[in-house]
C-alpha atoms as a PDB file:
ATOM      1  CA  MET A   1      98.254  83.843 111.265  1.00  0.00           C
ATOM      2  CA  SER A   2      99.784  87.258 110.725  1.00  0.00           C
ATOM      3  CA  SER A   3     101.588  86.086 107.585  1.00  0.00           C
ATOM      4  CA  ASP A   4      98.234  85.618 105.839  1.00  0.00           C
ATOM      5  CA  GLU A   5      97.108  89.061 106.920  1.00  0.00           C
ATOM      6  CA  GLU A   6     100.298  90.579 105.532  1.00  0.00           C
ATOM      7  CA  PHE A   7      99.698  88.752 102.253  1.00  0.00           C
ATOM      8  CA  TRP A   8      96.223  90.201 101.875  1.00  0.00           C
ATOM      9  CA  HIS A   9      97.495  93.670 102.687  1.00  0.00           C
ATOM     10  CA  GLU A  10     100.044  93.555  99.870  1.00  0.00           C
ATOM     11  CA  LYS A  11      99.405  96.212  97.235  1.00  0.00           C
ATOM     12  CA  ASN A  12      99.732  93.611  94.473  1.00  0.00           C
ATOM     13  CA  VAL A  13      96.944  91.571  96.020  1.00  0.00           C
ATOM     14  CA  TYR A  14      94.612  94.539  96.275  1.00  0.00           C
ATOM     15  CA  CYS A  15      95.402  95.459  92.680  1.00  0.00           C
ATOM     16  CA  LYS A  16      93.085  92.745  91.416  1.00  0.00           C
ATOM     17  CA  TYR A  17      90.192  94.590  93.055  1.00  0.00           C
ATOM     18  CA  CYS A  18      91.052  97.942  91.502  1.00  0.00           C
ATOM     19  CA  GLY A  19      88.545  97.512  88.704  1.00  0.00           C
ATOM     20  CA  SER A  20      85.367  97.745  90.782  1.00  0.00           C
ATOM     21  CA  LYS A  21      86.708  99.001  94.093  1.00  0.00           C
ATOM     22  CA  LEU A  22      89.190 101.621  92.926  1.00  0.00           C
ATOM     23  CA  THR A  23      87.447 104.425  94.815  1.00  0.00           C
ATOM     24  CA  GLN A  24      87.262 102.340  97.989  1.00  0.00           C
ATOM     25  CA  ASN A  25      90.680 100.688  97.963  1.00  0.00           C
ATOM     26  CA  GLN A  26      92.578 103.334  96.047  1.00  0.00           C
ATOM     27  CA  LYS A  27      95.159 103.629  98.822  1.00  0.00           C
ATOM     28  CA  TYR A  28      95.963  99.922  98.401  1.00  0.00           C
ATOM     29  CA  CYS A  29      96.376 100.127  94.639  1.00  0.00           C
ATOM     30  CA  SER A  30      99.540 100.967  92.779  1.00  0.00           C
ATOM     31  CA  GLU A  31      99.608 103.798  90.230  1.00  0.00           C
ATOM     32  CA  GLU A  32      99.821 101.289  87.382  1.00  0.00           C
ATOM     33  CA  CYS A  33      96.721  99.546  88.673  1.00  0.00           C
ATOM     34  CA  GLN A  34      94.803 102.804  88.906  1.00  0.00           C
ATOM     35  CA  GLN A  35      95.505 103.507  85.238  1.00  0.00           C
ATOM     36  CA  LYS A  36      93.883 100.285  84.035  1.00  0.00           C
ATOM     37  CA  ASP A  37      91.144  97.981  85.308  1.00  0.00           C
ATOM     38  CA  SER A  38      93.567  95.501  86.800  1.00  0.00           C
ATOM     39  CA  VAL A  39      97.123  94.281  86.490  1.00  0.00           C
ATOM     40  CA  TRP A  40      95.613  90.820  86.640  1.00  0.00           C
ATOM     41  CA  ASP A  41      94.010  91.339  83.257  1.00  0.00           C
ATOM     42  CA  TRP A  42      94.196  87.800  81.972  1.00  0.00           C
ATOM     43  CA  THR A  43      91.324  86.149  80.073  1.00  0.00           C
ATOM     44  CA  ASP A  44      89.775  82.727  80.566  1.00  0.00           C
ATOM     45  CA  ASP A  45      88.789  81.262  77.222  1.00  0.00           C
END
């Protein structure tokens, strides 16, 4: 299913991993994501 592969290769998807994998997946992350831990910075209370 190539559509799934494309989804996982989206920069926005990789952004959630920027926090701990920034050095590894830096090329997948947007500039905004590199400036903070993650654009998906919501909290579960």
